[in-house]
C-alpha cells in the first residue's frame, strides 16, 4: 500500500466489533508477535494493493454485499463522521490539509430537533424585538 499523500501516519477510532475481531487474530498460532502484521502476505510480509483489493472483493461477495471500491470505505467513514463530530476532528482523522476537502462530506439533512431549535431561536428573536419596541 502507498503512504498517504501527506506522508503522515493517520489513526481512526476502533469500534468494538473490530477490536474484538482483531483481538481474535492475536490468538492464532502464527504471526502473533507484537510487531507482526495483522493481515500479512504469505511469509509474513506486506500485502500489495491488488492483493488487498482482491481480498476485499472476495469478502464482499461472501457476505452478499454489493461491490464497491475499497476507497469508498474512506468516503463512508467521512460521511458518517461529519454527522457526529465537529469538522476539525473529522479533518484530522481523514488527514485533509484543508477544511474545504472535509466540507464535501457535509450533506444537508435536517435533523428532527432542527425545527425545535429554529422555533426557539425565532421566539427569542421576536421576544427581543417586542422588548425593544416597548421601550
C-alpha atoms as a PDB file:
ATOM      1  CA  UNK A   1       0.000   0.000   0.000  1.00  0.00           C
ATOM      2  CA  UNK A   2       1.143   3.527  -0.710  1.00  0.00           C
ATOM      3  CA  UNK A   3       1.833   6.050   2.013  1.00  0.00           C
ATOM      4  CA  UNK A   4      -0.746   8.834   2.441  1.00  0.00           C
ATOM      5  CA  UNK A   5      -0.252  11.874   0.207  1.00  0.00           C
ATOM      6  CA  UNK A   6       0.793  13.919   3.220  1.00  0.00           C
ATOM      7  CA  UNK A   7       3.334  11.285   4.238  1.00  0.00           C
ATOM      8  CA  UNK A   8       1.879  11.427   7.765  1.00  0.00           C
ATOM      9  CA  UNK A   9       0.502   8.435   9.635  1.00  0.00           C
ATOM     10  CA  UNK A  10      -3.205   8.632  10.443  1.00  0.00           C
ATOM     11  CA  UNK A  11      -5.303   6.906  13.010  1.00  0.00           C
ATOM     12  CA  UNK A  12      -9.020   6.430  13.474  1.00  0.00           C
ATOM     13  CA  UNK A  13     -11.150   5.233  16.370  1.00  0.00           C
ATOM     14  CA  UNK A  14     -11.541   1.477  16.591  1.00  0.00           C
ATOM     15  CA  UNK A  15     -15.146   0.351  17.051  1.00  0.00           C
ATOM     16  CA  UNK A  16     -15.819  -2.517  19.468  1.00  0.00           C
ATOM     17  CA  UNK A  17     -16.728  -5.048  16.756  1.00  0.00           C
ATOM     18  CA  UNK A  18     -13.389  -4.522  15.005  1.00  0.00           C
ATOM     19  CA  UNK A  19     -11.464  -4.575  18.275  1.00  0.00           C
ATOM     20  CA  UNK A  20     -12.993  -7.955  19.161  1.00  0.00           C
ATOM     21  CA  UNK A  21     -12.228  -9.388  15.711  1.00  0.00           C
ATOM     22  CA  UNK A  22      -8.649  -8.144  15.797  1.00  0.00           C
ATOM     23  CA  UNK A  23      -8.173  -9.476  19.314  1.00  0.00           C
ATOM     24  CA  UNK A  24      -9.218 -12.889  17.993  1.00  0.00           C
ATOM     25  CA  UNK A  25      -6.379 -12.707  15.461  1.00  0.00           C
ATOM     26  CA  UNK A  26      -3.910 -12.402  18.326  1.00  0.00           C
ATOM     27  CA  UNK A  27      -4.973 -15.905  19.388  1.00  0.00           C
ATOM     28  CA  UNK A  28      -3.793 -17.536  16.130  1.00  0.00           C
ATOM     29  CA  UNK A  29      -0.832 -19.898  16.185  1.00  0.00           C
ATOM     30  CA  UNK A  30       1.353 -17.934  13.777  1.00  0.00           C
ATOM     31  CA  UNK A  31       2.388 -14.314  13.200  1.00  0.00           C
ATOM     32  CA  UNK A  32       1.108 -13.344  16.625  1.00  0.00           C
ATOM     33  CA  UNK A  33       4.085 -11.274  17.743  1.00  0.00           C
ATOM     34  CA  UNK A  34       3.791  -7.640  18.744  1.00  0.00           C
ATOM     35  CA  UNK A  35       5.494  -6.430  15.548  1.00  0.00           C
ATOM     36  CA  UNK A  36       3.804  -8.886  13.160  1.00  0.00           C
ATOM     37  CA  UNK A  37       1.375  -7.564  10.575  1.00  0.00           C
ATOM     38  CA  UNK A  38      -2.331  -8.085  11.182  1.00  0.00           C
ATOM     39  CA  UNK A  39      -3.067  -9.034   7.561  1.00  0.00           C
ATOM     40  CA  UNK A  40       0.223 -10.319   6.155  1.00  0.00           C
ATOM     41  CA  UNK A  41       1.053 -11.781   2.789  1.00  0.00           C
ATOM     42  CA  UNK A  42       2.256 -15.381   2.731  1.00  0.00           C
ATOM     43  CA  UNK A  43       5.536 -15.405   4.595  1.00  0.00           C
ATOM     44  CA  UNK A  44       4.554 -12.508   6.846  1.00  0.00           C
ATOM     45  CA  UNK A  45       5.416  -9.570   4.575  1.00  0.00           C
ATOM     46  CA  UNK A  46       3.272  -6.685   3.379  1.00  0.00           C
ATOM     47  CA  UNK A  47       0.352  -7.269   1.017  1.00  0.00           C
ATOM     48  CA  UNK A  48       0.397  -5.260  -2.176  1.00  0.00           C
ATOM     49  CA  UNK A  49      -2.584  -3.047  -3.041  1.00  0.00           C
ATOM     50  CA  UNK A  50      -4.039  -5.508  -5.540  1.00  0.00           C
ATOM     51  CA  UNK A  51      -3.968  -8.350  -3.001  1.00  0.00           C
ATOM     52  CA  UNK A  52      -5.858  -6.163  -0.500  1.00  0.00           C
ATOM     53  CA  UNK A  53      -8.489  -5.291  -3.109  1.00  0.00           C
ATOM     54  CA  UNK A  54      -8.908  -8.959  -4.161  1.00  0.00           C
ATOM     55  CA  UNK A  55      -9.434  -9.999  -0.537  1.00  0.00           C
ATOM     56  CA  UNK A  56     -11.885  -7.123  -0.041  1.00  0.00           C
ATOM     57  CA  UNK A  57     -13.944  -8.072  -3.116  1.00  0.00           C
ATOM     58  CA  UNK A  58     -13.920 -11.721  -2.059  1.00  0.00           C
ATOM     59  CA  UNK A  59     -15.232 -10.745   1.394  1.00  0.00           C
ATOM     60  CA  UNK A  60     -17.965  -8.571  -0.144  1.00  0.00           C
ATOM     61  CA  UNK A  61     -19.064 -11.452  -2.351  1.00  0.00           C
ATOM     62  CA  UNK A  62     -19.061 -13.929   0.551  1.00  0.00           C
ATOM     63  CA  UNK A  63     -21.186 -11.508   2.598  1.00  0.00           C
ATOM     64  CA  UNK A  64     -23.538 -10.988  -0.387  1.00  0.00           C
ATOM     65  CA  UNK A  65     -22.882  -7.243  -0.300  1.00  0.00           C
ATOM     66  CA  UNK A  66     -22.786  -5.022  -3.381  1.00  0.00           C
ATOM     67  CA  UNK A  67     -19.392  -4.449  -4.945  1.00  0.00           C
ATOM     68  CA  UNK A  68     -17.929  -1.071  -4.041  1.00  0.00           C
ATOM     69  CA  UNK A  69     -14.441   0.315  -4.445  1.00  0.00           C
ATOM     70  CA  UNK A  70     -12.077  -0.169  -1.496  1.00  0.00           C
ATOM     71  CA  UNK A  71     -11.611   3.630  -1.396  1.00  0.00           C
ATOM     72  CA  UNK A  72     -15.381   4.010  -0.878  1.00  0.00           C
ATOM     73  CA  UNK A  73     -14.798   2.864   2.722  1.00  0.00           C
ATOM     74  CA  UNK A  74     -12.938   6.127   3.314  1.00  0.00           C
ATOM     75  CA  UNK A  75     -15.860   8.139   1.919  1.00  0.00           C
ATOM     76  CA  UNK A  76     -18.294   6.151   4.059  1.00  0.00           C
ATOM     77  CA  UNK A  77     -16.238   6.898   7.179  1.00  0.00           C
ATOM     78  CA  UNK A  78     -16.082  10.627   6.418  1.00  0.00           C
ATOM     79  CA  UNK A  79     -19.791  10.867   5.593  1.00  0.00           C
ATOM     80  CA  UNK A  80     -20.764   9.179   8.867  1.00  0.00           C
ATOM     81  CA  UNK A  81     -18.173  11.064  10.903  1.00  0.00           C
ATOM     82  CA  UNK A  82     -19.353  14.557   9.867  1.00  0.00           C
ATOM     83  CA  UNK A  83     -22.820  13.672  11.148  1.00  0.00           C
ATOM     84  CA  UNK A  84     -21.495  13.111  14.678  1.00  0.00           C
ATOM     85  CA  UNK A  85     -18.246  15.062  15.158  1.00  0.00           C
ATOM     86  CA  UNK A  86     -17.078  18.597  14.595  1.00  0.00           C
ATOM     87  CA  UNK A  87     -15.424  19.186  11.235  1.00  0.00           C
ATOM     88  CA  UNK A  88     -11.923  19.761  12.603  1.00  0.00           C
ATOM     89  CA  UNK A  89     -11.962  16.341  14.263  1.00  0.00           C
ATOM     90  CA  UNK A  90     -13.065  14.690  11.006  1.00  0.00           C
ATOM     91  CA  UNK A  91     -10.449  16.709   9.120  1.00  0.00           C
ATOM     92  CA  UNK A  92      -7.765  15.328  11.439  1.00  0.00           C
ATOM     93  CA  UNK A  93      -8.899  11.715  11.118  1.00  0.00           C
ATOM     94  CA  UNK A  94      -9.124  11.981   7.337  1.00  0.00           C
ATOM     95  CA  UNK A  95      -5.820  13.832   7.049  1.00  0.00           C
ATOM     96  CA  UNK A  96      -7.282  16.645   4.963  1.00  0.00           C
ATOM     97  CA  UNK A  97      -4.927  19.611   4.681  1.00  0.00           C
ATOM     98  CA  UNK A  98      -7.858  21.978   4.035  1.00  0.00           C
ATOM     99  CA  UNK A  99     -11.252  22.067   5.756  1.00  0.00           C
ATOM    100  CA  UNK A 100     -12.859  22.554   2.324  1.00  0.00           C
ATOM    101  CA  UNK A 101     -11.989  18.971   1.475  1.00  0.00           C
ATOM    102  CA  UNK A 102     -13.783  17.790   4.618  1.00  0.00           C
ATOM    103  CA  UNK A 103     -16.758  20.002   3.775  1.00  0.00           C
ATOM    104  CA  UNK A 104     -17.567  17.914   0.689  1.00  0.00           C
ATOM    105  CA  UNK A 105     -18.869  15.247   3.086  1.00  0.00           C
ATOM    106  CA  UNK A 106     -21.358  17.589   4.718  1.00  0.00           C
ATOM    107  CA  UNK A 107     -24.698  16.729   3.156  1.00  0.00           C
ATOM    108  CA  UNK A 108     -27.663  18.693   4.380  1.00  0.00           C
ATOM    109  CA  UNK A 109     -30.266  16.528   6.019  1.00  0.00           C
ATOM    110  CA  UNK A 110     -32.385  18.284   8.629  1.00  0.00           C
ATOM    111  CA  UNK A 111     -32.490  16.514  11.953  1.00  0.00           C
ATOM    112  CA  UNK A 112     -35.692  16.111  13.939  1.00  0.00           C
ATOM    113  CA  UNK A 113     -34.557  18.610  16.558  1.00  0.00           C
ATOM    114  CA  UNK A 114     -33.681  21.289  13.965  1.00  0.00           C
ATOM    115  CA  UNK A 115     -37.282  22.565  13.756  1.00  0.00           C
ATOM    116  CA  UNK A 116     -37.448  22.933  17.548  1.00  0.00           C
ATOM    117  CA  UNK A 117     -34.113  24.776  17.648  1.00  0.00           C
ATOM    118  CA  UNK A 118     -35.213  27.117  14.863  1.00  0.00           C
ATOM    119  CA  UNK A 119     -38.564  27.758  16.576  1.00  0.00           C
ATOM    120  CA  UNK A 120     -36.844  28.616  19.851  1.00  0.00           C
ATOM    121  CA  UNK A 121     -34.447  30.982  18.064  1.00  0.00           C
ATOM    122  CA  UNK A 122     -37.332  32.742  16.319  1.00  0.00           C
ATOM    123  CA  UNK A 123     -39.317  33.061  19.571  1.00  0.00           C
ATOM    124  CA  UNK A 124     -36.268  34.512  21.304  1.00  0.00           C
ATOM    125  CA  UNK A 125     -35.671  36.969  18.459  1.00  0.00           C
ATOM    126  CA  UNK A 126     -39.326  38.043  18.416  1.00  0.00           C
ATOM    127  CA  UNK A 127     -39.279  38.476  22.191  1.00  0.00           C
ATOM    128  CA  UNK A 128     -36.186  40.711  21.947  1.00  0.00           C
ATOM    129  CA  UNK A 129     -37.860  42.801  19.223  1.00  0.00           C
ATOM    130  CA  UNK A 130     -41.016  43.231  21.305  1.00  0.00           C
ATOM    131  CA  UNK A 131     -38.921  44.307  24.279  1.00  0.00           C
ATOM    132  CA  UNK A 132     -37.155  46.958  22.146  1.00  0.00           C
ATOM    133  CA  UNK A 133     -40.491  48.222  20.790  1.00  0.00           C
ATOM    134  CA  UNK A 134     -41.949  48.509  24.280  1.00  0.00           C
ATOM    135  CA  UNK A 135     -39.095  50.722  25.438  1.00  0.00           C
END
